[in-house]
Amino acid sequence: MQVIPSVGMYIENKKGELLLVKSHKWDDKYAVPGGKIKYGETAVQAVERELYEEVGLKAKSVEFVDNIDMIKDPEFIYKPEAHYVSRRFQVIVSNTDVVLNNEAESFEWVAPEEILKRDDVVTIVKDYVKQHMLSKENKKTNKKVLELEEKIEEYKSGWQRAQADYKNLQTEIENKRSEWVKMSELQVLEDFIPVYDNFKKAFSHHPELDSENEKDKKVKNWVDGIGYIMKQFSDVLKRFEIEEIKTVGEMFNPEFHEAVGEEDSEEIEGKILREIDVGYTMKGKVIKVAKVIISKNSNNK
């Protein structure tokens, strides 16, 4: 059996279509350009020569793909008794203006998917399409899928960060709102407390009343009513956890008291003798210090 070395060329255009030629060698089916390696030339030189002779194209680059043994291939009817050893190459050409010689009847640029559907394309070409062209397309698709997945993860991370930032903002706003409410309450109470203080001072100076005197009885009823209103004021302060700072009889504490004067006394020095102005705490925090007079007798213990 005669062994004949040969080459075959897989040529793609910019659209990814494969060049097919119809030849009588393949029982009028479509195959790829190819031919025998002549004595004294390399396989690459044979590719360049056959490419130009058969389809009028010039090779820019030639890359080996695989070897194929054609032994009594039923589709190859030219010299069926010979053993063809075909080296297959992917070829990039400088132009795609095909000019056929007398070895081929016609040519077509065909998309890989269409090649697999056609009955007039030889099996060797279909196998190449399955192994190389479609796998290449799948790689491109997989690459795009990976890129999209990376984008999705990027957008997801961005969305999660935005959601976390939004939740933090909500928490911050709620905290601020709570602070604003407390500040508003405190402002109102600070404005209210001096009124309450003056009310208490005025009330403490009501005259002594004779319960047997009819006129004093009427005044007493009025005093009792005012006293009830003052108690309502006091209850409002208690609801906001506002308490009066203890003064008379307590030791001076600069955290709660402000000494506005000193008096000689037999009491221990620093003991509070009189209250000049009431002080208040709100939830344990001083909102107004008490103004007091303290003892300055350092000889007493």
C-alpha atoms as a PDB file:
ATOM      1  CA  MET A   1       0.000   0.000   0.000  1.00  0.00           C
ATOM      2  CA  GLN A   2       1.281   3.404  -0.952  1.00  0.00           C
ATOM      3  CA  VAL A   3       1.658   6.003   1.894  1.00  0.00           C
ATOM      4  CA  ILE A   4       1.087   9.570   0.755  1.00  0.00           C
ATOM      5  CA  PRO A   5       1.862  12.561   3.010  1.00  0.00           C
ATOM      6  CA  SER A   6      -0.596  15.428   2.631  1.00  0.00           C
ATOM      7  CA  VAL A   7      -1.874  18.585   4.274  1.00  0.00           C
ATOM      8  CA  GLY A   8      -5.300  20.073   4.951  1.00  0.00           C
ATOM      9  CA  MET A   9      -6.072  23.747   5.772  1.00  0.00           C
ATOM     10  CA  TYR A  10      -8.751  25.064   8.096  1.00  0.00           C
ATOM     11  CA  ILE A  11      -9.325  28.719   7.202  1.00  0.00           C
ATOM     12  CA  GLU A  12     -11.709  31.010   9.090  1.00  0.00           C
ATOM     13  CA  ASN A  13     -12.893  34.469   8.129  1.00  0.00           C
ATOM     14  CA  LYS A  14     -13.596  37.339  10.543  1.00  0.00           C
ATOM     15  CA  LYS A  15     -17.146  36.064  11.088  1.00  0.00           C
ATOM     16  CA  GLY A  16     -15.816  32.729  12.347  1.00  0.00           C
ATOM     17  CA  GLU A  17     -17.000  30.911   9.211  1.00  0.00           C
ATOM     18  CA  LEU A  18     -14.956  28.050   7.773  1.00  0.00           C
ATOM     19  CA  LEU A  19     -13.902  27.908   4.112  1.00  0.00           C
ATOM     20  CA  LEU A  20     -15.266  24.784   2.402  1.00  0.00           C
ATOM     21  CA  VAL A  21     -14.577  23.655  -1.182  1.00  0.00           C
ATOM     22  CA  LYS A  22     -16.524  21.076  -3.168  1.00  0.00           C
ATOM     23  CA  SER A  23     -14.237  18.557  -4.838  1.00  0.00           C
ATOM     24  CA  HIS A  24     -14.632  15.432  -6.966  1.00  0.00           C
ATOM     25  CA  LYS A  25     -11.992  13.824  -4.717  1.00  0.00           C
ATOM     26  CA  TRP A  26     -14.620  13.722  -1.962  1.00  0.00           C
ATOM     27  CA  ASP A  27     -17.490  12.449  -4.091  1.00  0.00           C
ATOM     28  CA  ASP A  28     -18.683  16.050  -4.724  1.00  0.00           C
ATOM     29  CA  LYS A  29     -18.934  16.790  -1.011  1.00  0.00           C
ATOM     30  CA  TYR A  30     -17.537  19.826   0.766  1.00  0.00           C
ATOM     31  CA  ALA A  31     -14.160  19.476   2.484  1.00  0.00           C
ATOM     32  CA  VAL A  32     -11.324  21.894   3.235  1.00  0.00           C
ATOM     33  CA  PRO A  33      -8.535  22.859   0.840  1.00  0.00           C
ATOM     34  CA  GLY A  34      -5.578  20.472   0.854  1.00  0.00           C
ATOM     35  CA  GLY A  35      -3.115  18.455  -1.175  1.00  0.00           C
ATOM     36  CA  LYS A  36       0.007  16.291  -1.258  1.00  0.00           C
ATOM     37  CA  ILE A  37       3.377  17.286   0.200  1.00  0.00           C
ATOM     38  CA  LYS A  38       5.858  17.317  -2.629  1.00  0.00           C
ATOM     39  CA  TYR A  39       9.330  15.840  -2.368  1.00  0.00           C
ATOM     40  CA  GLY A  40      11.765  18.319  -0.783  1.00  0.00           C
ATOM     41  CA  GLU A  41       9.221  20.638   0.879  1.00  0.00           C
ATOM     42  CA  THR A  42       8.076  20.860   4.468  1.00  0.00           C
ATOM     43  CA  ALA A  43       4.461  20.515   5.534  1.00  0.00           C
ATOM     44  CA  VAL A  44       4.203  24.279   6.118  1.00  0.00           C
ATOM     45  CA  GLN A  45       5.637  24.976   2.667  1.00  0.00           C
ATOM     46  CA  ALA A  46       3.081  22.575   1.232  1.00  0.00           C
ATOM     47  CA  VAL A  47       0.314  24.456   3.056  1.00  0.00           C
ATOM     48  CA  GLU A  48       1.458  27.775   1.634  1.00  0.00           C
ATOM     49  CA  ARG A  49       1.734  26.379  -1.902  1.00  0.00           C
ATOM     50  CA  GLU A  50      -1.535  24.434  -1.926  1.00  0.00           C
ATOM     51  CA  LEU A  51      -3.400  27.357  -0.364  1.00  0.00           C
ATOM     52  CA  TYR A  52      -2.359  29.710  -3.129  1.00  0.00           C
ATOM     53  CA  GLU A  53      -2.744  27.170  -5.959  1.00  0.00           C
ATOM     54  CA  GLU A  54      -6.136  25.830  -4.893  1.00  0.00           C
ATOM     55  CA  VAL A  55      -7.996  28.905  -3.555  1.00  0.00           C
ATOM     56  CA  GLY A  56      -5.726  31.880  -4.384  1.00  0.00           C
ATOM     57  CA  LEU A  57      -5.057  32.869  -0.752  1.00  0.00           C
ATOM     58  CA  LYS A  58      -1.783  33.757   0.992  1.00  0.00           C
ATOM     59  CA  ALA A  59      -0.958  32.455   4.454  1.00  0.00           C
ATOM     60  CA  LYS A  60      -0.018  34.877   7.239  1.00  0.00           C
ATOM     61  CA  SER A  61       0.397  32.209   9.908  1.00  0.00           C
ATOM     62  CA  VAL A  62       0.205  28.415   9.995  1.00  0.00           C
ATOM     63  CA  GLU A  63      -0.525  26.455  13.199  1.00  0.00           C
ATOM     64  CA  PHE A  64      -0.508  22.664  13.469  1.00  0.00           C
ATOM     65  CA  VAL A  65      -3.763  21.048  14.655  1.00  0.00           C
ATOM     66  CA  ASP A  66      -3.482  17.265  14.340  1.00  0.00           C
ATOM     67  CA  ASN A  67      -2.646  14.271  12.152  1.00  0.00           C
ATOM     68  CA  ILE A  68      -5.289  12.204  10.386  1.00  0.00           C
ATOM     69  CA  ASP A  69      -4.835   8.750   8.825  1.00  0.00           C
ATOM     70  CA  MET A  70      -7.159   8.172   5.883  1.00  0.00           C
ATOM     71  CA  ILE A  71      -7.186   4.440   5.176  1.00  0.00           C
ATOM     72  CA  LYS A  72      -9.916   3.379   2.801  1.00  0.00           C
ATOM     73  CA  ASP A  73     -11.994   6.416   3.818  1.00  0.00           C
ATOM     74  CA  PRO A  74     -15.393   5.811   2.119  1.00  0.00           C
ATOM     75  CA  GLU A  75     -15.848   9.544   1.517  1.00  0.00           C
ATOM     76  CA  PHE A  76     -12.445  10.021  -0.136  1.00  0.00           C
ATOM     77  CA  ILE A  77     -12.767   8.426  -3.589  1.00  0.00           C
ATOM     78  CA  TYR A  78      -9.481   9.657  -5.080  1.00  0.00           C
ATOM     79  CA  LYS A  79      -6.950   6.783  -4.998  1.00  0.00           C
ATOM     80  CA  PRO A  80      -8.856   4.770  -2.349  1.00  0.00           C
ATOM     81  CA  GLU A  81      -6.119   2.109  -2.281  1.00  0.00           C
ATOM     82  CA  ALA A  82      -3.575   4.616  -0.879  1.00  0.00           C
ATOM     83  CA  HIS A  83      -2.880   5.421   2.775  1.00  0.00           C
ATOM     84  CA  TYR A  84      -3.012   9.189   3.213  1.00  0.00           C
ATOM     85  CA  VAL A  85      -1.301  10.685   6.252  1.00  0.00           C
ATOM     86  CA  SER A  86      -2.742  14.171   6.461  1.00  0.00           C
ATOM     87  CA  ARG A  87      -1.271  16.885   8.636  1.00  0.00           C
ATOM     88  CA  ARG A  88      -3.952  19.462   9.448  1.00  0.00           C
ATOM     89  CA  PHE A  89      -3.292  23.150  10.071  1.00  0.00           C
ATOM     90  CA  GLN A  90      -5.210  26.247  11.122  1.00  0.00           C
ATOM     91  CA  VAL A  91      -4.267  28.981   8.691  1.00  0.00           C
ATOM     92  CA  ILE A  92      -4.725  32.732   8.986  1.00  0.00           C
ATOM     93  CA  VAL A  93      -4.778  34.379   5.572  1.00  0.00           C
ATOM     94  CA  SER A  94      -4.065  37.936   4.446  1.00  0.00           C
ATOM     95  CA  ASN A  95      -7.240  38.129   2.333  1.00  0.00           C
ATOM     96  CA  THR A  96     -10.491  36.184   1.830  1.00  0.00           C
ATOM     97  CA  ASP A  97     -11.008  36.726  -1.904  1.00  0.00           C
ATOM     98  CA  VAL A  98     -11.151  33.098  -3.004  1.00  0.00           C
ATOM     99  CA  VAL A  99     -10.019  32.180  -6.555  1.00  0.00           C
ATOM    100  CA  LEU A 100     -10.507  28.485  -7.329  1.00  0.00           C
ATOM    101  CA  ASN A 101      -8.333  26.405  -9.636  1.00  0.00           C
ATOM    102  CA  ASN A 102      -9.600  23.395 -11.576  1.00  0.00           C
ATOM    103  CA  GLU A 103      -9.401  21.067  -8.555  1.00  0.00           C
ATOM    104  CA  ALA A 104     -12.571  22.442  -6.929  1.00  0.00           C
ATOM    105  CA  GLU A 105     -16.030  23.104  -8.301  1.00  0.00           C
ATOM    106  CA  SER A 106     -17.234  25.733  -5.800  1.00  0.00           C
ATOM    107  CA  PHE A 107     -16.616  27.156  -2.326  1.00  0.00           C
ATOM    108  CA  GLU A 108     -18.633  28.442   0.622  1.00  0.00           C
ATOM    109  CA  TRP A 109     -17.940  30.221   3.917  1.00  0.00           C
ATOM    110  CA  VAL A 110     -20.088  28.295   6.408  1.00  0.00           C
ATOM    111  CA  ALA A 111     -20.784  28.869  10.101  1.00  0.00           C
ATOM    112  CA  PRO A 112     -19.754  25.984  12.421  1.00  0.00           C
ATOM    113  CA  GLU A 113     -23.334  25.288  13.533  1.00  0.00           C
ATOM    114  CA  GLU A 114     -24.498  25.017   9.931  1.00  0.00           C
ATOM    115  CA  ILE A 115     -21.668  22.652   9.002  1.00  0.00           C
ATOM    116  CA  LEU A 116     -22.904  20.101  11.546  1.00  0.00           C
ATOM    117  CA  LYS A 117     -26.405  20.216  10.067  1.00  0.00           C
ATOM    118  CA  ARG A 118     -25.381  19.560   6.482  1.00  0.00           C
ATOM    119  CA  ASP A 119     -25.133  16.160   4.783  1.00  0.00           C
ATOM    120  CA  ASP A 120     -22.821  17.381   2.025  1.00  0.00           C
ATOM    121  CA  VAL A 121     -19.872  18.061   4.348  1.00  0.00           C
ATOM    122  CA  VAL A 122     -17.327  15.297   4.997  1.00  0.00           C
ATOM    123  CA  THR A 123     -17.001  13.714   8.434  1.00  0.00           C
ATOM    124  CA  ILE A 124     -13.381  14.825   8.940  1.00  0.00           C
ATOM    125  CA  VAL A 125     -14.437  18.480   8.750  1.00  0.00           C
ATOM    126  CA  LYS A 126     -17.396  17.946  11.060  1.00  0.00           C
ATOM    127  CA  ASP A 127     -15.091  16.302  13.616  1.00  0.00           C
ATOM    128  CA  TYR A 128     -12.768  19.313  13.462  1.00  0.00           C
ATOM    129  CA  VAL A 129     -15.707  21.679  13.977  1.00  0.00           C
ATOM    130  CA  LYS A 130     -16.852  19.727  17.029  1.00  0.00           C
ATOM    131  CA  GLN A 131     -13.392  19.478  18.573  1.00  0.00           C
ATOM    132  CA  HIS A 132     -11.977  22.903  17.775  1.00  0.00           C
ATOM    133  CA  MET A 133     -14.367  25.514  16.453  1.00  0.00           C
ATOM    134  CA  LEU A 134     -17.331  24.849  18.745  1.00  0.00           C
ATOM    135  CA  SER A 135     -15.061  24.319  21.754  1.00  0.00           C
ATOM    136  CA  LYS A 136     -13.509  27.697  20.953  1.00  0.00           C
ATOM    137  CA  GLU A 137     -16.961  29.262  20.817  1.00  0.00           C
ATOM    138  CA  ASN A 138     -17.832  27.560  24.094  1.00  0.00           C
ATOM    139  CA  LYS A 139     -14.689  29.009  25.655  1.00  0.00           C
ATOM    140  CA  LYS A 140     -15.721  32.470  24.480  1.00  0.00           C
ATOM    141  CA  THR A 141     -19.210  31.890  25.867  1.00  0.00           C
ATOM    142  CA  ASN A 142     -17.812  30.557  29.138  1.00  0.00           C
ATOM    143  CA  LYS A 143     -15.511  33.565  29.370  1.00  0.00           C
ATOM    144  CA  LYS A 144     -18.477  35.883  28.871  1.00  0.00           C
ATOM    145  CA  VAL A 145     -20.439  33.924  31.473  1.00  0.00           C
ATOM    146  CA  LEU A 146     -17.562  34.258  33.941  1.00  0.00           C
ATOM    147  CA  GLU A 147     -17.310  37.972  33.205  1.00  0.00           C
ATOM    148  CA  LEU A 148     -21.056  38.344  33.755  1.00  0.00           C
ATOM    149  CA  GLU A 149     -20.850  36.332  36.974  1.00  0.00           C
ATOM    150  CA  GLU A 150     -18.044  38.591  38.181  1.00  0.00           C
ATOM    151  CA  LYS A 151     -20.175  41.627  37.298  1.00  0.00           C
ATOM    152  CA  ILE A 152     -23.125  40.107  39.160  1.00  0.00           C
ATOM    153  CA  GLU A 153     -20.953  39.538  42.237  1.00  0.00           C
ATOM    154  CA  GLU A 154     -19.618  43.075  41.951  1.00  0.00           C
ATOM    155  CA  TYR A 155     -23.133  44.508  41.708  1.00  0.00           C
ATOM    156  CA  LYS A 156     -24.309  42.216  44.511  1.00  0.00           C
ATOM    157  CA  SER A 157     -21.466  43.357  46.765  1.00  0.00           C
ATOM    158  CA  GLY A 158     -22.229  46.971  45.890  1.00  0.00           C
ATOM    159  CA  TRP A 159     -25.913  46.420  46.650  1.00  0.00           C
ATOM    160  CA  GLN A 160     -25.079  44.725  49.956  1.00  0.00           C
ATOM    161  CA  ARG A 161     -22.778  47.616  50.902  1.00  0.00           C
ATOM    162  CA  ALA A 162     -25.468  50.107  49.933  1.00  0.00           C
ATOM    163  CA  GLN A 163     -28.047  48.173  51.961  1.00  0.00           C
ATOM    164  CA  ALA A 164     -25.716  48.075  54.977  1.00  0.00           C
ATOM    165  CA  ASP A 165     -25.013  51.797  54.598  1.00  0.00           C
ATOM    166  CA  TYR A 166     -28.752  52.454  54.379  1.00  0.00           C
ATOM    167  CA  LYS A 167     -29.417  50.429  57.534  1.00  0.00           C
ATOM    168  CA  ASN A 168     -26.618  52.264  59.330  1.00  0.00           C
ATOM    169  CA  LEU A 169     -28.108  55.547  58.150  1.00  0.00           C
ATOM    170  CA  GLN A 170     -31.534  54.487  59.437  1.00  0.00           C
ATOM    171  CA  THR A 171     -30.032  53.571  62.804  1.00  0.00           C
ATOM    172  CA  GLU A 172     -28.140  56.865  62.917  1.00  0.00           C
ATOM    173  CA  ILE A 173     -31.302  58.817  62.044  1.00  0.00           C
ATOM    174  CA  GLU A 174     -33.265  56.962  64.734  1.00  0.00           C
ATOM    175  CA  ASN A 175     -30.549  57.721  67.271  1.00  0.00           C
ATOM    176  CA  LYS A 176     -30.462  61.346  66.166  1.00  0.00           C
ATOM    177  CA  ARG A 177     -34.245  61.531  66.319  1.00  0.00           C
ATOM    178  CA  SER A 178     -34.157  60.167  69.848  1.00  0.00           C
ATOM    179  CA  GLU A 179     -31.516  62.747  70.755  1.00  0.00           C
ATOM    180  CA  TRP A 180     -33.560  65.497  69.117  1.00  0.00           C
ATOM    181  CA  VAL A 181     -36.628  64.427  71.114  1.00  0.00           C
ATOM    182  CA  LYS A 182     -34.621  64.429  74.334  1.00  0.00           C
ATOM    183  CA  MET A 183     -33.131  67.804  73.502  1.00  0.00           C
ATOM    184  CA  SER A 184     -36.571  69.190  72.698  1.00  0.00           C
ATOM    185  CA  GLU A 185     -37.960  67.798  75.938  1.00  0.00           C
ATOM    186  CA  LEU A 186     -35.042  69.229  77.887  1.00  0.00           C
ATOM    187  CA  GLN A 187     -35.420  72.614  76.216  1.00  0.00           C
ATOM    188  CA  VAL A 188     -39.127  72.743  77.079  1.00  0.00           C
ATOM    189  CA  LEU A 189     -38.462  71.614  80.636  1.00  0.00           C
ATOM    190  CA  GLU A 190     -35.636  74.128  81.088  1.00  0.00           C
ATOM    191  CA  ASP A 191     -38.062  76.844  80.018  1.00  0.00           C
ATOM    192  CA  PHE A 192     -40.759  75.413  82.258  1.00  0.00           C
ATOM    193  CA  ILE A 193     -38.676  74.972  85.439  1.00  0.00           C
ATOM    194  CA  PRO A 194     -38.136  78.719  86.152  1.00  0.00           C
ATOM    195  CA  VAL A 195     -41.903  79.225  85.892  1.00  0.00           C
ATOM    196  CA  TYR A 196     -42.429  76.377  88.330  1.00  0.00           C
ATOM    197  CA  ASP A 197     -39.782  77.807  90.683  1.00  0.00           C
ATOM    198  CA  ASN A 198     -41.393  81.250  90.682  1.00  0.00           C
ATOM    199  CA  PHE A 199     -44.785  79.650  91.164  1.00  0.00           C
ATOM    200  CA  LYS A 200     -43.489  77.808  94.249  1.00  0.00           C
ATOM    201  CA  LYS A 201     -41.861  80.946  95.650  1.00  0.00           C
ATOM    202  CA  ALA A 202     -45.035  82.945  95.197  1.00  0.00           C
ATOM    203  CA  PHE A 203     -47.143  80.204  96.729  1.00  0.00           C
ATOM    204  CA  SER A 204     -44.866  79.910  99.763  1.00  0.00           C
ATOM    205  CA  HIS A 205     -45.646  83.508 100.701  1.00  0.00           C
ATOM    206  CA  HIS A 206     -49.420  83.184 101.053  1.00  0.00           C
ATOM    207  CA  PRO A 207     -50.699  84.667 104.345  1.00  0.00           C
ATOM    208  CA  GLU A 208     -51.757  82.702 107.364  1.00  0.00           C
ATOM    209  CA  LEU A 209     -55.473  82.067 107.218  1.00  0.00           C
ATOM    210  CA  ASP A 210     -58.075  81.748 109.952  1.00  0.00           C
ATOM    211  CA  SER A 211     -60.227  78.749 109.225  1.00  0.00           C
ATOM    212  CA  GLU A 212     -63.052  80.265 111.322  1.00  0.00           C
ATOM    213  CA  ASN A 213     -63.113  83.444 109.300  1.00  0.00           C
ATOM    214  CA  GLU A 214     -65.576  83.205 106.382  1.00  0.00           C
ATOM    215  CA  LYS A 215     -63.506  85.519 104.232  1.00  0.00           C
ATOM    216  CA  ASP A 216     -60.349  83.504 104.972  1.00  0.00           C
ATOM    217  CA  LYS A 217     -62.221  80.297 104.115  1.00  0.00           C
ATOM    218  CA  LYS A 218     -62.820  81.579 100.595  1.00  0.00           C
ATOM    219  CA  VAL A 219     -59.160  82.542 100.265  1.00  0.00           C
ATOM    220  CA  LYS A 220     -58.159  79.137 101.600  1.00  0.00           C
ATOM    221  CA  ASN A 221     -60.175  77.411  98.893  1.00  0.00           C
ATOM    222  CA  TRP A 222     -58.321  79.495  96.319  1.00  0.00           C
ATOM    223  CA  VAL A 223     -54.975  78.655  97.926  1.00  0.00           C
ATOM    224  CA  ASP A 224     -55.843  74.950  97.941  1.00  0.00           C
ATOM    225  CA  GLY A 225     -56.714  75.140  94.231  1.00  0.00           C
ATOM    226  CA  ILE A 226     -53.416  76.839  93.412  1.00  0.00           C
ATOM    227  CA  GLY A 227     -51.637  74.220  95.518  1.00  0.00           C
ATOM    228  CA  TYR A 228     -53.267  71.493  93.426  1.00  0.00           C
ATOM    229  CA  ILE A 229     -52.092  73.149  90.220  1.00  0.00           C
ATOM    230  CA  MET A 230     -48.560  73.316  91.620  1.00  0.00           C
ATOM    231  CA  LYS A 231     -48.776  69.601  92.444  1.00  0.00           C
ATOM    232  CA  GLN A 232     -49.755  68.941  88.826  1.00  0.00           C
ATOM    233  CA  PHE A 233     -46.619  70.806  87.737  1.00  0.00           C
ATOM    234  CA  SER A 234     -44.597  68.647  90.118  1.00  0.00           C
ATOM    235  CA  ASP A 235     -46.183  65.454  88.726  1.00  0.00           C
ATOM    236  CA  VAL A 236     -45.239  66.498  85.195  1.00  0.00           C
ATOM    237  CA  LEU A 237     -41.618  66.862  86.272  1.00  0.00           C
ATOM    238  CA  LYS A 238     -41.679  63.443  87.959  1.00  0.00           C
ATOM    239  CA  ARG A 239     -42.949  61.801  84.759  1.00  0.00           C
ATOM    240  CA  PHE A 240     -39.801  63.057  83.040  1.00  0.00           C
ATOM    241  CA  GLU A 241     -37.718  61.727  85.960  1.00  0.00           C
ATOM    242  CA  ILE A 242     -36.855  65.243  87.112  1.00  0.00           C
ATOM    243  CA  GLU A 243     -36.032  65.537  90.812  1.00  0.00           C
ATOM    244  CA  GLU A 244     -35.088  68.433  93.060  1.00  0.00           C
ATOM    245  CA  ILE A 245     -31.534  68.407  94.343  1.00  0.00           C
ATOM    246  CA  LYS A 246     -31.349  68.090  98.134  1.00  0.00           C
ATOM    247  CA  THR A 247     -29.755  71.089  99.782  1.00  0.00           C
ATOM    248  CA  VAL A 248     -30.361  72.201 103.409  1.00  0.00           C
ATOM    249  CA  GLY A 249     -28.578  69.908 105.845  1.00  0.00           C
ATOM    250  CA  GLU A 250     -26.510  68.273 103.076  1.00  0.00           C
ATOM    251  CA  MET A 251     -22.780  68.712 102.575  1.00  0.00           C
ATOM    252  CA  PHE A 252     -21.788  70.973  99.711  1.00  0.00           C
ATOM    253  CA  ASN A 253     -21.078  69.050  96.499  1.00  0.00           C
ATOM    254  CA  PRO A 254     -19.837  71.132  93.537  1.00  0.00           C
ATOM    255  CA  GLU A 255     -21.406  68.583  91.160  1.00  0.00           C
ATOM    256  CA  PHE A 256     -24.876  69.523  92.417  1.00  0.00           C
ATOM    257  CA  HIS A 257     -24.476  72.827  94.242  1.00  0.00           C
ATOM    258  CA  GLU A 258     -23.222  76.323  93.581  1.00  0.00           C
ATOM    259  CA  ALA A 259     -22.163  78.296  96.667  1.00  0.00           C
ATOM    260  CA  VAL A 260     -23.337  81.882  96.268  1.00  0.00           C
ATOM    261  CA  GLY A 261     -22.345  82.875  99.835  1.00  0.00           C
ATOM    262  CA  GLU A 262     -20.977  81.769 103.205  1.00  0.00           C
ATOM    263  CA  GLU A 263     -22.200  82.426 106.716  1.00  0.00           C
ATOM    264  CA  ASP A 264     -20.690  81.891 110.137  1.00  0.00           C
ATOM    265  CA  SER A 265     -22.349  78.931 111.768  1.00  0.00           C
ATOM    266  CA  GLU A 266     -21.877  76.306 114.425  1.00  0.00           C
ATOM    267  CA  GLU A 267     -22.456  73.706 111.682  1.00  0.00           C
ATOM    268  CA  ILE A 268     -19.585  71.848 110.043  1.00  0.00           C
ATOM    269  CA  GLU A 269     -17.865  73.941 107.430  1.00  0.00           C
ATOM    270  CA  GLY A 270     -19.308  73.267 104.023  1.00  0.00           C
ATOM    271  CA  LYS A 271     -22.700  72.227 105.253  1.00  0.00           C
ATOM    272  CA  ILE A 272     -25.582  73.844 103.400  1.00  0.00           C
ATOM    273  CA  LEU A 273     -27.472  76.338 105.529  1.00  0.00           C
ATOM    274  CA  ARG A 274     -29.963  77.780 103.073  1.00  0.00           C
ATOM    275  CA  GLU A 275     -31.249  77.244  99.579  1.00  0.00           C
ATOM    276  CA  ILE A 276     -31.341  80.310  97.347  1.00  0.00           C
ATOM    277  CA  ASP A 277     -32.419  78.641  94.128  1.00  0.00           C
ATOM    278  CA  VAL A 278     -33.666  75.093  93.545  1.00  0.00           C
ATOM    279  CA  GLY A 279     -31.551  72.684  91.479  1.00  0.00           C
ATOM    280  CA  TYR A 280     -32.746  69.728  89.399  1.00  0.00           C
ATOM    281  CA  THR A 281     -31.530  66.429  87.942  1.00  0.00           C
ATOM    282  CA  MET A 282     -33.060  64.602  84.987  1.00  0.00           C
ATOM    283  CA  LYS A 283     -32.533  60.848  84.995  1.00  0.00           C
ATOM    284  CA  GLY A 284     -29.622  61.373  87.363  1.00  0.00           C
ATOM    285  CA  LYS A 285     -27.987  64.067  85.221  1.00  0.00           C
ATOM    286  CA  VAL A 286     -27.760  67.634  86.545  1.00  0.00           C
ATOM    287  CA  ILE A 287     -29.729  70.053  84.379  1.00  0.00           C
ATOM    288  CA  LYS A 288     -29.668  72.935  86.875  1.00  0.00           C
ATOM    289  CA  VAL A 289     -27.379  73.313  89.916  1.00  0.00           C
ATOM    290  CA  ALA A 290     -28.843  74.417  93.244  1.00  0.00           C
ATOM    291  CA  LYS A 291     -27.633  77.788  94.532  1.00  0.00           C
ATOM    292  CA  VAL A 292     -26.925  77.659  98.247  1.00  0.00           C
ATOM    293  CA  ILE A 293     -25.398  79.369 101.288  1.00  0.00           C
ATOM    294  CA  ILE A 294     -22.890  77.252 103.163  1.00  0.00           C
ATOM    295  CA  SER A 295     -21.265  77.303 106.584  1.00  0.00           C
ATOM    296  CA  LYS A 296     -17.747  78.697 106.903  1.00  0.00           C
ATOM    297  CA  ASN A 297     -17.074  77.966 110.568  1.00  0.00           C
ATOM    298  CA  SER A 298     -13.902  75.898 110.344  1.00  0.00           C
ATOM    299  CA  ASN A 299     -13.691  75.439 114.160  1.00  0.00           C
ATOM    300  CA  ASN A 300     -16.755  73.210 114.313  1.00  0.00           C
ATOM    301  CA  LYS A 301     -16.475  69.515 113.693  1.00  0.00           C
END
